PDB file of N, CA and C in Angstrom:
ATOM      1  N   UNK A   1      34.081 -18.474 -17.175  1.00  0.00           N
ATOM      2  CA  UNK A   1      33.205 -19.643 -17.312  1.00  0.00           C
ATOM      3  C   UNK A   1      33.123 -20.291 -15.990  1.00  0.00           C
ATOM      4  N   UNK A   2      31.949 -20.851 -15.676  1.00  0.00           N
ATOM      5  CA  UNK A   2      31.705 -21.451 -14.357  1.00  0.00           C
ATOM      6  C   UNK A   2      32.318 -22.934 -14.432  1.00  0.00           C
ATOM      7  N   UNK A   3      32.894 -23.296 -13.289  1.00  0.00           N
ATOM      8  CA  UNK A   3      33.384 -24.680 -13.184  1.00  0.00           C
ATOM      9  C   UNK A   3      32.316 -25.651 -13.188  1.00  0.00           C
ATOM     10  N   UNK A   4      32.312 -26.634 -14.110  1.00  0.00           N
ATOM     11  CA  UNK A   4      31.203 -27.586 -14.244  1.00  0.00           C
ATOM     12  C   UNK A   4      31.060 -28.531 -13.008  1.00  0.00           C
ATOM     13  N   UNK A   5      32.138 -28.585 -12.218  1.00  0.00           N
ATOM     14  CA  UNK A   5      32.068 -29.502 -11.041  1.00  0.00           C
ATOM     15  C   UNK A   5      31.344 -28.831  -9.922  1.00  0.00           C
ATOM     16  N   UNK A   6      31.192 -27.518  -9.921  1.00  0.00           N
ATOM     17  CA  UNK A   6      30.559 -26.756  -8.818  1.00  0.00           C
ATOM     18  C   UNK A   6      29.002 -26.836  -8.938  1.00  0.00           C
ATOM     19  N   UNK A   7      28.321 -26.838  -7.866  1.00  0.00           N
ATOM     20  CA  UNK A   7      26.825 -26.858  -7.770  1.00  0.00           C
ATOM     21  C   UNK A   7      26.424 -25.427  -7.434  1.00  0.00           C
ATOM     22  N   UNK A   8      25.506 -24.883  -8.384  1.00  0.00           N
ATOM     23  CA  UNK A   8      25.072 -23.536  -8.016  1.00  0.00           C
ATOM     24  C   UNK A   8      23.728 -23.609  -7.327  1.00  0.00           C
ATOM     25  N   UNK A   9      23.669 -22.904  -6.264  1.00  0.00           N
ATOM     26  CA  UNK A   9      22.459 -22.891  -5.403  1.00  0.00           C
ATOM     27  C   UNK A   9      22.048 -21.460  -5.079  1.00  0.00           C
ATOM     28  N   UNK A  10      20.715 -21.188  -5.085  1.00  0.00           N
ATOM     29  CA  UNK A  10      20.273 -19.838  -4.765  1.00  0.00           C
ATOM     30  C   UNK A  10      19.674 -19.978  -3.345  1.00  0.00           C
ATOM     31  N   UNK A  11      20.172 -19.084  -2.422  1.00  0.00           N
ATOM     32  CA  UNK A  11      19.692 -19.105  -0.978  1.00  0.00           C
ATOM     33  C   UNK A  11      18.229 -18.645  -0.983  1.00  0.00           C
ATOM     34  N   UNK A  12      17.340 -19.457  -0.362  1.00  0.00           N
ATOM     35  CA  UNK A  12      15.925 -19.044  -0.314  1.00  0.00           C
ATOM     36  C   UNK A  12      15.734 -17.851   0.645  1.00  0.00           C
ATOM     37  N   UNK A  13      16.606 -17.576   1.588  1.00  0.00           N
ATOM     38  CA  UNK A  13      16.514 -16.542   2.568  1.00  0.00           C
ATOM     39  C   UNK A  13      16.870 -15.174   1.957  1.00  0.00           C
ATOM     40  N   UNK A  14      18.177 -15.112   1.417  1.00  0.00           N
ATOM     41  CA  UNK A  14      18.651 -13.778   0.977  1.00  0.00           C
ATOM     42  C   UNK A  14      18.883 -13.730  -0.443  1.00  0.00           C
ATOM     43  N   UNK A  15      18.536 -14.747  -1.225  1.00  0.00           N
ATOM     44  CA  UNK A  15      18.603 -14.819  -2.740  1.00  0.00           C
ATOM     45  C   UNK A  15      20.084 -14.743  -3.188  1.00  0.00           C
ATOM     46  N   UNK A  16      21.000 -14.983  -2.327  1.00  0.00           N
ATOM     47  CA  UNK A  16      22.420 -15.006  -2.752  1.00  0.00           C
ATOM     48  C   UNK A  16      22.666 -16.269  -3.625  1.00  0.00           C
ATOM     49  N   UNK A  17      23.690 -16.138  -4.437  1.00  0.00           N
ATOM     50  CA  UNK A  17      24.104 -17.241  -5.267  1.00  0.00           C
ATOM     51  C   UNK A  17      25.304 -17.892  -4.719  1.00  0.00           C
ATOM     52  N   UNK A  18      25.179 -19.197  -4.369  1.00  0.00           N
ATOM     53  CA  UNK A  18      26.310 -20.012  -3.806  1.00  0.00           C
ATOM     54  C   UNK A  18      26.848 -20.937  -4.778  1.00  0.00           C
ATOM     55  N   UNK A  19      28.094 -21.119  -4.886  1.00  0.00           N
ATOM     56  CA  UNK A  19      28.710 -22.168  -5.683  1.00  0.00           C
ATOM     57  C   UNK A  19      29.405 -23.146  -4.745  1.00  0.00           C
ATOM     58  N   UNK A  20      28.975 -24.334  -4.747  1.00  0.00           N
ATOM     59  CA  UNK A  20      29.357 -25.325  -3.674  1.00  0.00           C
ATOM     60  C   UNK A  20      30.165 -26.494  -4.355  1.00  0.00           C
ATOM     61  N   UNK A  21      31.268 -26.818  -3.812  1.00  0.00           N
ATOM     62  CA  UNK A  21      32.008 -27.976  -4.329  1.00  0.00           C
ATOM     63  C   UNK A  21      31.444 -29.205  -3.689  1.00  0.00           C
ATOM     64  N   UNK A  22      30.967 -30.186  -4.459  1.00  0.00           N
ATOM     65  CA  UNK A  22      30.321 -31.365  -3.885  1.00  0.00           C
ATOM     66  C   UNK A  22      31.368 -32.316  -3.180  1.00  0.00           C
ATOM     67  N   UNK A  23      32.613 -32.292  -3.531  1.00  0.00           N
ATOM     68  CA  UNK A  23      33.618 -33.148  -2.983  1.00  0.00           C
ATOM     69  C   UNK A  23      33.937 -32.707  -1.507  1.00  0.00           C
ATOM     70  N   UNK A  24      34.006 -31.385  -1.365  1.00  0.00           N
ATOM     71  CA  UNK A  24      34.377 -30.988   0.002  1.00  0.00           C
ATOM     72  C   UNK A  24      33.159 -30.343   0.757  1.00  0.00           C
ATOM     73  N   UNK A  25      32.014 -30.158   0.104  1.00  0.00           N
ATOM     74  CA  UNK A  25      30.753 -29.582   0.698  1.00  0.00           C
ATOM     75  C   UNK A  25      31.068 -28.217   1.268  1.00  0.00           C
ATOM     76  N   UNK A  26      31.942 -27.505   0.560  1.00  0.00           N
ATOM     77  CA  UNK A  26      32.329 -26.152   0.943  1.00  0.00           C
ATOM     78  C   UNK A  26      31.833 -25.094  -0.054  1.00  0.00           C
ATOM     79  N   UNK A  27      31.544 -23.947   0.452  1.00  0.00           N
ATOM     80  CA  UNK A  27      31.115 -22.858  -0.532  1.00  0.00           C
ATOM     81  C   UNK A  27      32.389 -22.231  -1.053  1.00  0.00           C
ATOM     82  N   UNK A  28      32.517 -22.391  -2.360  1.00  0.00           N
ATOM     83  CA  UNK A  28      33.740 -21.875  -3.075  1.00  0.00           C
ATOM     84  C   UNK A  28      33.564 -20.403  -3.459  1.00  0.00           C
ATOM     85  N   UNK A  29      32.396 -19.983  -3.884  1.00  0.00           N
ATOM     86  CA  UNK A  29      32.148 -18.633  -4.249  1.00  0.00           C
ATOM     87  C   UNK A  29      30.794 -18.255  -3.890  1.00  0.00           C
ATOM     88  N   UNK A  30      30.653 -16.965  -3.513  1.00  0.00           N
ATOM     89  CA  UNK A  30      29.401 -16.381  -2.976  1.00  0.00           C
ATOM     90  C   UNK A  30      29.160 -15.066  -3.725  1.00  0.00           C
ATOM     91  N   UNK A  31      28.018 -14.897  -4.284  1.00  0.00           N
ATOM     92  CA  UNK A  31      27.548 -13.641  -4.911  1.00  0.00           C
ATOM     93  C   UNK A  31      26.355 -13.106  -4.284  1.00  0.00           C
ATOM     94  N   UNK A  32      26.430 -11.980  -3.565  1.00  0.00           N
ATOM     95  CA  UNK A  32      25.260 -11.395  -2.957  1.00  0.00           C
ATOM     96  C   UNK A  32      24.240 -10.963  -3.895  1.00  0.00           C
ATOM     97  N   UNK A  33      22.984 -11.015  -3.501  1.00  0.00           N
ATOM     98  CA  UNK A  33      21.837 -10.606  -4.241  1.00  0.00           C
ATOM     99  C   UNK A  33      21.796  -9.145  -4.397  1.00  0.00           C
ATOM    100  N   UNK A  34      21.711  -8.510  -5.535  1.00  0.00           N
ATOM    101  CA  UNK A  34      21.717  -7.122  -5.696  1.00  0.00           C
ATOM    102  C   UNK A  34      20.275  -6.647  -5.753  1.00  0.00           C
ATOM    103  N   UNK A  35      19.925  -5.863  -4.711  1.00  0.00           N
ATOM    104  CA  UNK A  35      18.548  -5.351  -4.597  1.00  0.00           C
ATOM    105  C   UNK A  35      18.453  -4.163  -5.562  1.00  0.00           C
ATOM    106  N   UNK A  36      17.248  -4.097  -6.276  1.00  0.00           N
ATOM    107  CA  UNK A  36      17.028  -2.861  -7.044  1.00  0.00           C
ATOM    108  C   UNK A  36      16.773  -1.673  -6.182  1.00  0.00           C
ATOM    109  N   UNK A  37      17.011  -0.486  -6.653  1.00  0.00           N
ATOM    110  CA  UNK A  37      16.744   0.742  -5.921  1.00  0.00           C
ATOM    111  C   UNK A  37      15.207   0.811  -5.795  1.00  0.00           C
ATOM    112  N   UNK A  38      14.821   1.201  -4.607  1.00  0.00           N
ATOM    113  CA  UNK A  38      13.394   1.303  -4.234  1.00  0.00           C
ATOM    114  C   UNK A  38      12.760   2.483  -4.866  1.00  0.00           C
ATOM    115  N   UNK A  39      13.452   3.568  -4.925  1.00  0.00           N
ATOM    116  CA  UNK A  39      12.824   4.792  -5.508  1.00  0.00           C
ATOM    117  C   UNK A  39      13.892   5.392  -6.461  1.00  0.00           C
ATOM    118  N   UNK A  40      13.338   5.812  -7.682  1.00  0.00           N
ATOM    119  CA  UNK A  40      14.225   6.423  -8.624  1.00  0.00           C
ATOM    120  C   UNK A  40      14.588   7.884  -8.168  1.00  0.00           C
ATOM    121  N   UNK A  41      13.557   8.591  -7.647  1.00  0.00           N
ATOM    122  CA  UNK A  41      13.785   9.898  -7.237  1.00  0.00           C
ATOM    123  C   UNK A  41      12.834  10.210  -6.075  1.00  0.00           C
ATOM    124  N   UNK A  42      12.977  11.433  -5.559  1.00  0.00           N
ATOM    125  CA  UNK A  42      12.208  11.852  -4.436  1.00  0.00           C
ATOM    126  C   UNK A  42      10.760  12.076  -4.724  1.00  0.00           C
ATOM    127  N   UNK A  43      10.378  12.417  -5.845  1.00  0.00           N
ATOM    128  CA  UNK A  43       9.005  12.684  -6.280  1.00  0.00           C
ATOM    129  C   UNK A  43       8.217  11.315  -6.235  1.00  0.00           C
ATOM    130  N   UNK A  44       8.882  10.301  -6.751  1.00  0.00           N
ATOM    131  CA  UNK A  44       8.109   9.034  -6.738  1.00  0.00           C
ATOM    132  C   UNK A  44       7.946   8.465  -5.319  1.00  0.00           C
ATOM    133  N   UNK A  45       8.908   8.779  -4.414  1.00  0.00           N
ATOM    134  CA  UNK A  45       8.802   8.386  -3.036  1.00  0.00           C
ATOM    135  C   UNK A  45       7.656   9.097  -2.356  1.00  0.00           C
ATOM    136  N   UNK A  46       7.469  10.357  -2.689  1.00  0.00           N
ATOM    137  CA  UNK A  46       6.430  11.189  -2.064  1.00  0.00           C
ATOM    138  C   UNK A  46       5.112  10.725  -2.530  1.00  0.00           C
ATOM    139  N   UNK A  47       5.015  10.477  -3.798  1.00  0.00           N
ATOM    140  CA  UNK A  47       3.650   9.956  -4.353  1.00  0.00           C
ATOM    141  C   UNK A  47       3.304   8.602  -3.804  1.00  0.00           C
ATOM    142  N   UNK A  48       4.308   7.741  -3.671  1.00  0.00           N
ATOM    143  CA  UNK A  48       3.985   6.453  -3.069  1.00  0.00           C
ATOM    144  C   UNK A  48       3.568   6.545  -1.577  1.00  0.00           C
ATOM    145  N   UNK A  49       4.227   7.463  -0.877  1.00  0.00           N
ATOM    146  CA  UNK A  49       3.820   7.787   0.516  1.00  0.00           C
ATOM    147  C   UNK A  49       2.311   8.270   0.541  1.00  0.00           C
ATOM    148  N   UNK A  50       1.966   9.106  -0.309  1.00  0.00           N
ATOM    149  CA  UNK A  50       0.603   9.717  -0.299  1.00  0.00           C
ATOM    150  C   UNK A  50      -0.406   8.567  -0.662  1.00  0.00           C
ATOM    151  N   UNK A  51      -0.078   7.668  -1.629  1.00  0.00           N
ATOM    152  CA  UNK A  51      -1.080   6.738  -1.903  1.00  0.00           C
ATOM    153  C   UNK A  51      -1.177   5.608  -0.877  1.00  0.00           C
ATOM    154  N   UNK A  52      -0.082   5.382  -0.210  1.00  0.00           N
ATOM    155  CA  UNK A  52      -0.136   4.390   0.962  1.00  0.00           C
ATOM    156  C   UNK A  52      -0.977   4.966   2.144  1.00  0.00           C
ATOM    157  N   UNK A  53      -0.949   6.267   2.360  1.00  0.00           N
ATOM    158  CA  UNK A  53      -1.797   6.977   3.356  1.00  0.00           C
ATOM    159  C   UNK A  53      -3.288   6.723   3.075  1.00  0.00           C
ATOM    160  N   UNK A  54      -3.514   6.991   1.716  1.00  0.00           N
ATOM    161  CA  UNK A  54      -5.016   6.743   1.326  1.00  0.00           C
ATOM    162  C   UNK A  54      -5.416   5.320   1.473  1.00  0.00           C
ATOM    163  N   UNK A  55      -4.571   4.365   1.209  1.00  0.00           N
ATOM    164  CA  UNK A  55      -4.891   2.944   1.332  1.00  0.00           C
ATOM    165  C   UNK A  55      -5.113   2.572   2.859  1.00  0.00           C
ATOM    166  N   UNK A  56      -4.222   3.118   3.642  1.00  0.00           N
ATOM    167  CA  UNK A  56      -4.450   2.874   5.116  1.00  0.00           C
ATOM    168  C   UNK A  56      -5.743   3.463   5.655  1.00  0.00           C
ATOM    169  N   UNK A  57      -6.094   4.712   5.160  1.00  0.00           N
ATOM    170  CA  UNK A  57      -7.370   5.300   5.482  1.00  0.00           C
ATOM    171  C   UNK A  57      -8.549   4.471   5.108  1.00  0.00           C
ATOM    172  N   UNK A  58      -8.504   4.032   3.798  1.00  0.00           N
ATOM    173  CA  UNK A  58      -9.496   3.131   3.350  1.00  0.00           C
ATOM    174  C   UNK A  58      -9.695   1.815   4.176  1.00  0.00           C
ATOM    175  N   UNK A  59      -8.535   1.217   4.419  1.00  0.00           N
ATOM    176  CA  UNK A  59      -8.598  -0.030   5.276  1.00  0.00           C
ATOM    177  C   UNK A  59      -9.206   0.256   6.678  1.00  0.00           C
ATOM    178  N   UNK A  60      -8.902   1.475   7.260  1.00  0.00           N
ATOM    179  CA  UNK A  60      -9.481   1.742   8.516  1.00  0.00           C
ATOM    180  C   UNK A  60     -10.954   2.034   8.484  1.00  0.00           C
ATOM    181  N   UNK A  61     -11.360   2.692   7.381  1.00  0.00           N
ATOM    182  CA  UNK A  61     -12.889   2.946   7.249  1.00  0.00           C
ATOM    183  C   UNK A  61     -13.589   1.543   7.094  1.00  0.00           C
ATOM    184  N   UNK A  62     -12.951   0.648   6.353  1.00  0.00           N
ATOM    185  CA  UNK A  62     -13.625  -0.587   6.129  1.00  0.00           C
ATOM    186  C   UNK A  62     -13.694  -1.332   7.396  1.00  0.00           C
ATOM    187  N   UNK A  63     -12.683  -1.295   8.198  1.00  0.00           N
ATOM    188  CA  UNK A  63     -12.641  -1.860   9.559  1.00  0.00           C
ATOM    189  C   UNK A  63     -13.762  -1.449  10.478  1.00  0.00           C
ATOM    190  N   UNK A  64     -13.839  -0.098  10.428  1.00  0.00           N
ATOM    191  CA  UNK A  64     -14.945   0.544  11.312  1.00  0.00           C
ATOM    192  C   UNK A  64     -16.315   0.143  10.811  1.00  0.00           C
ATOM    193  N   UNK A  65     -16.576   0.134   9.496  1.00  0.00           N
ATOM    194  CA  UNK A  65     -17.832  -0.350   8.994  1.00  0.00           C
ATOM    195  C   UNK A  65     -18.134  -1.795   9.387  1.00  0.00           C
ATOM    196  N   UNK A  66     -17.141  -2.683   9.226  1.00  0.00           N
ATOM    197  CA  UNK A  66     -17.307  -4.027   9.624  1.00  0.00           C
ATOM    198  C   UNK A  66     -17.575  -4.240  11.104  1.00  0.00           C
ATOM    199  N   UNK A  67     -16.971  -3.393  11.876  1.00  0.00           N
ATOM    200  CA  UNK A  67     -17.239  -3.516  13.304  1.00  0.00           C
ATOM    201  C   UNK A  67     -18.625  -3.000  13.734  1.00  0.00           C
ATOM    202  N   UNK A  68     -19.171  -2.031  12.936  1.00  0.00           N
ATOM    203  CA  UNK A  68     -20.563  -1.561  13.185  1.00  0.00           C
ATOM    204  C   UNK A  68     -21.573  -2.621  12.849  1.00  0.00           C
ATOM    205  N   UNK A  69     -21.348  -3.552  11.886  1.00  0.00           N
ATOM    206  CA  UNK A  69     -22.339  -4.574  11.573  1.00  0.00           C
ATOM    207  C   UNK A  69     -22.099  -5.820  12.264  1.00  0.00           C
ATOM    208  N   UNK A  70     -20.923  -5.934  12.971  1.00  0.00           N
ATOM    209  CA  UNK A  70     -20.568  -7.293  13.553  1.00  0.00           C
ATOM    210  C   UNK A  70     -21.687  -7.637  14.676  1.00  0.00           C
ATOM    211  N   UNK A  71     -22.223  -6.707  15.349  1.00  0.00           N
ATOM    212  CA  UNK A  71     -23.186  -7.029  16.352  1.00  0.00           C
ATOM    213  C   UNK A  71     -24.438  -7.531  15.752  1.00  0.00           C
ATOM    214  N   UNK A  72     -24.882  -6.984  14.528  1.00  0.00           N
ATOM    215  CA  UNK A  72     -25.966  -7.471  13.835  1.00  0.00           C
ATOM    216  C   UNK A  72     -25.744  -8.882  13.326  1.00  0.00           C
ATOM    217  N   UNK A  73     -24.611  -9.146  12.799  1.00  0.00           N
ATOM    218  CA  UNK A  73     -24.233 -10.486  12.290  1.00  0.00           C
ATOM    219  C   UNK A  73     -24.347 -11.508  13.373  1.00  0.00           C
ATOM    220  N   UNK A  74     -23.775 -11.205  14.547  1.00  0.00           N
ATOM    221  CA  UNK A  74     -23.794 -12.162  15.661  1.00  0.00           C
ATOM    222  C   UNK A  74     -25.223 -12.411  16.134  1.00  0.00           C
ATOM    223  N   UNK A  75     -26.075 -11.230  16.155  1.00  0.00           N
ATOM    224  CA  UNK A  75     -27.420 -11.433  16.594  1.00  0.00           C
ATOM    225  C   UNK A  75     -28.221 -12.327  15.652  1.00  0.00           C
ATOM    226  N   UNK A  76     -28.036 -12.194  14.308  1.00  0.00           N
ATOM    227  CA  UNK A  76     -28.704 -13.007  13.373  1.00  0.00           C
ATOM    228  C   UNK A  76     -28.252 -14.480  13.474  1.00  0.00           C
ATOM    229  N   UNK A  77     -26.980 -14.777  13.766  1.00  0.00           N
ATOM    230  CA  UNK A  77     -26.518 -16.078  13.881  1.00  0.00           C
ATOM    231  C   UNK A  77     -27.144 -16.720  15.190  1.00  0.00           C
ATOM    232  N   UNK A  78     -27.170 -15.923  16.227  1.00  0.00           N
ATOM    233  CA  UNK A  78     -27.826 -16.373  17.508  1.00  0.00           C
ATOM    234  C   UNK A  78     -29.284 -16.763  17.310  1.00  0.00           C
ATOM    235  N   UNK A  79     -29.975 -15.777  16.595  1.00  0.00           N
ATOM    236  CA  UNK A  79     -31.449 -15.975  16.334  1.00  0.00           C
ATOM    237  C   UNK A  79     -31.614 -17.299  15.554  1.00  0.00           C
ATOM    238  N   UNK A  80     -30.785 -17.522  14.622  1.00  0.00           N
ATOM    239  CA  UNK A  80     -30.870 -18.723  13.745  1.00  0.00           C
ATOM    240  C   UNK A  80     -30.682 -20.047  14.491  1.00  0.00           C
ATOM    241  N   UNK A  81     -29.682 -20.017  15.369  1.00  0.00           N
ATOM    242  CA  UNK A  81     -29.365 -21.179  16.184  1.00  0.00           C
ATOM    243  C   UNK A  81     -30.429 -21.443  17.174  1.00  0.00           C
ATOM    244  N   UNK A  82     -31.064 -20.343  17.771  1.00  0.00           N
ATOM    245  CA  UNK A  82     -32.104 -20.426  18.697  1.00  0.00           C
ATOM    246  C   UNK A  82     -33.418 -21.020  18.023  1.00  0.00           C
ATOM    247  N   UNK A  83     -33.576 -20.569  16.787  1.00  0.00           N
ATOM    248  CA  UNK A  83     -34.675 -21.124  16.060  1.00  0.00           C
ATOM    249  C   UNK A  83     -34.568 -22.578  15.842  1.00  0.00           C
ATOM    250  N   UNK A  84     -33.373 -22.979  15.426  1.00  0.00           N
ATOM    251  CA  UNK A  84     -33.076 -24.422  15.180  1.00  0.00           C
ATOM    252  C   UNK A  84     -33.345 -25.235  16.532  1.00  0.00           C
ATOM    253  N   UNK A  85     -32.837 -24.678  17.601  1.00  0.00           N
ATOM    254  CA  UNK A  85     -32.970 -25.409  18.892  1.00  0.00           C
ATOM    255  C   UNK A  85     -34.398 -25.472  19.303  1.00  0.00           C
ATOM    256  N   UNK A  86     -35.268 -24.499  19.035  1.00  0.00           N
ATOM    257  CA  UNK A  86     -36.696 -24.556  19.357  1.00  0.00           C
ATOM    258  C   UNK A  86     -37.488 -25.602  18.437  1.00  0.00           C
ATOM    259  N   UNK A  87     -37.048 -25.682  17.220  1.00  0.00           N
ATOM    260  CA  UNK A  87     -37.657 -26.622  16.257  1.00  0.00           C
ATOM    261  C   UNK A  87     -37.309 -28.076  16.674  1.00  0.00           C
ATOM    262  N   UNK A  88     -36.124 -28.364  17.167  1.00  0.00           N
ATOM    263  CA  UNK A  88     -35.678 -29.697  17.581  1.00  0.00           C
ATOM    264  C   UNK A  88     -35.284 -29.727  19.061  1.00  0.00           C
ATOM    265  N   UNK A  89     -36.298 -29.639  19.910  1.00  0.00           N
ATOM    266  CA  UNK A  89     -35.971 -29.541  21.373  1.00  0.00           C
ATOM    267  C   UNK A  89     -35.285 -30.830  21.891  1.00  0.00           C
ATOM    268  N   UNK A  90     -35.522 -32.040  21.336  1.00  0.00           N
ATOM    269  CA  UNK A  90     -35.032 -33.261  21.755  1.00  0.00           C
ATOM    270  C   UNK A  90     -33.574 -33.475  21.312  1.00  0.00           C
ATOM    271  N   UNK A  91     -33.055 -32.779  20.399  1.00  0.00           N
ATOM    272  CA  UNK A  91     -31.737 -32.912  19.897  1.00  0.00           C
ATOM    273  C   UNK A  91     -30.683 -32.412  20.904  1.00  0.00           C
ATOM    274  N   UNK A  92     -29.650 -33.204  21.216  1.00  0.00           N
ATOM    275  CA  UNK A  92     -28.649 -32.706  22.159  1.00  0.00           C
ATOM    276  C   UNK A  92     -27.883 -31.498  21.572  1.00  0.00           C
ATOM    277  N   UNK A  93     -27.344 -30.644  22.485  1.00  0.00           N
ATOM    278  CA  UNK A  93     -26.610 -29.480  22.044  1.00  0.00           C
ATOM    279  C   UNK A  93     -25.336 -30.006  21.346  1.00  0.00           C
ATOM    280  N   UNK A  94     -24.823 -29.182  20.397  1.00  0.00           N
ATOM    281  CA  UNK A  94     -23.536 -29.580  19.742  1.00  0.00           C
ATOM    282  C   UNK A  94     -22.384 -29.707  20.653  1.00  0.00           C
ATOM    283  N   UNK A  95     -21.409 -30.560  20.322  1.00  0.00           N
ATOM    284  CA  UNK A  95     -20.248 -30.768  21.184  1.00  0.00           C
ATOM    285  C   UNK A  95     -19.344 -29.556  21.021  1.00  0.00           C
ATOM    286  N   UNK A  96     -18.730 -29.225  22.201  1.00  0.00           N
ATOM    287  CA  UNK A  96     -17.761 -28.218  22.185  1.00  0.00           C
ATOM    288  C   UNK A  96     -16.364 -28.788  22.175  1.00  0.00           C
ATOM    289  N   UNK A  97     -15.321 -28.065  21.945  1.00  0.00           N
ATOM    290  CA  UNK A  97     -14.006 -28.533  22.061  1.00  0.00           C
ATOM    291  C   UNK A  97     -13.632 -29.226  23.338  1.00  0.00           C
ATOM    292  N   UNK A  98     -14.113 -28.686  24.434  1.00  0.00           N
ATOM    293  CA  UNK A  98     -13.830 -29.121  25.650  1.00  0.00           C
ATOM    294  C   UNK A  98     -14.537 -30.484  25.966  1.00  0.00           C
ATOM    295  N   UNK A  99     -15.589 -30.757  25.282  1.00  0.00           N
ATOM    296  CA  UNK A  99     -16.296 -31.939  25.493  1.00  0.00           C
ATOM    297  C   UNK A  99     -15.591 -33.223  24.952  1.00  0.00           C
ATOM    298  N   UNK A 100     -14.675 -33.051  24.008  1.00  0.00           N
ATOM    299  CA  UNK A 100     -14.009 -34.204  23.421  1.00  0.00           C
ATOM    300  C   UNK A 100     -12.898 -34.781  24.281  1.00  0.00           C
ATOM    301  N   UNK A 101     -12.529 -34.206  25.333  1.00  0.00           N
ATOM    302  CA  UNK A 101     -11.443 -34.691  26.167  1.00  0.00           C
ATOM    303  C   UNK A 101     -11.806 -35.880  27.027  1.00  0.00           C
TER     304      UNK A 101
END
């Protein structure tokens, strides 16, 4: 049975359980966090490796597609800002970060 005078704290970093005596501010007992086994057997590890490879390939393909349309997106933004600037030629340009100093 745990001593009621001890304070039990869980470490946010390593998830260890610390039992601290408030009178002396000392750690009286320490119980390390038990990590569960990551893989039950070799077959599950191989299947996880294969699915992660597919996920990485999908992420790479998405990145390539995003990169292909990035130029078009920037062109559309520029065209829109140019159109706004032509509609209101008397309006001063927007402030930049460097202009606030």
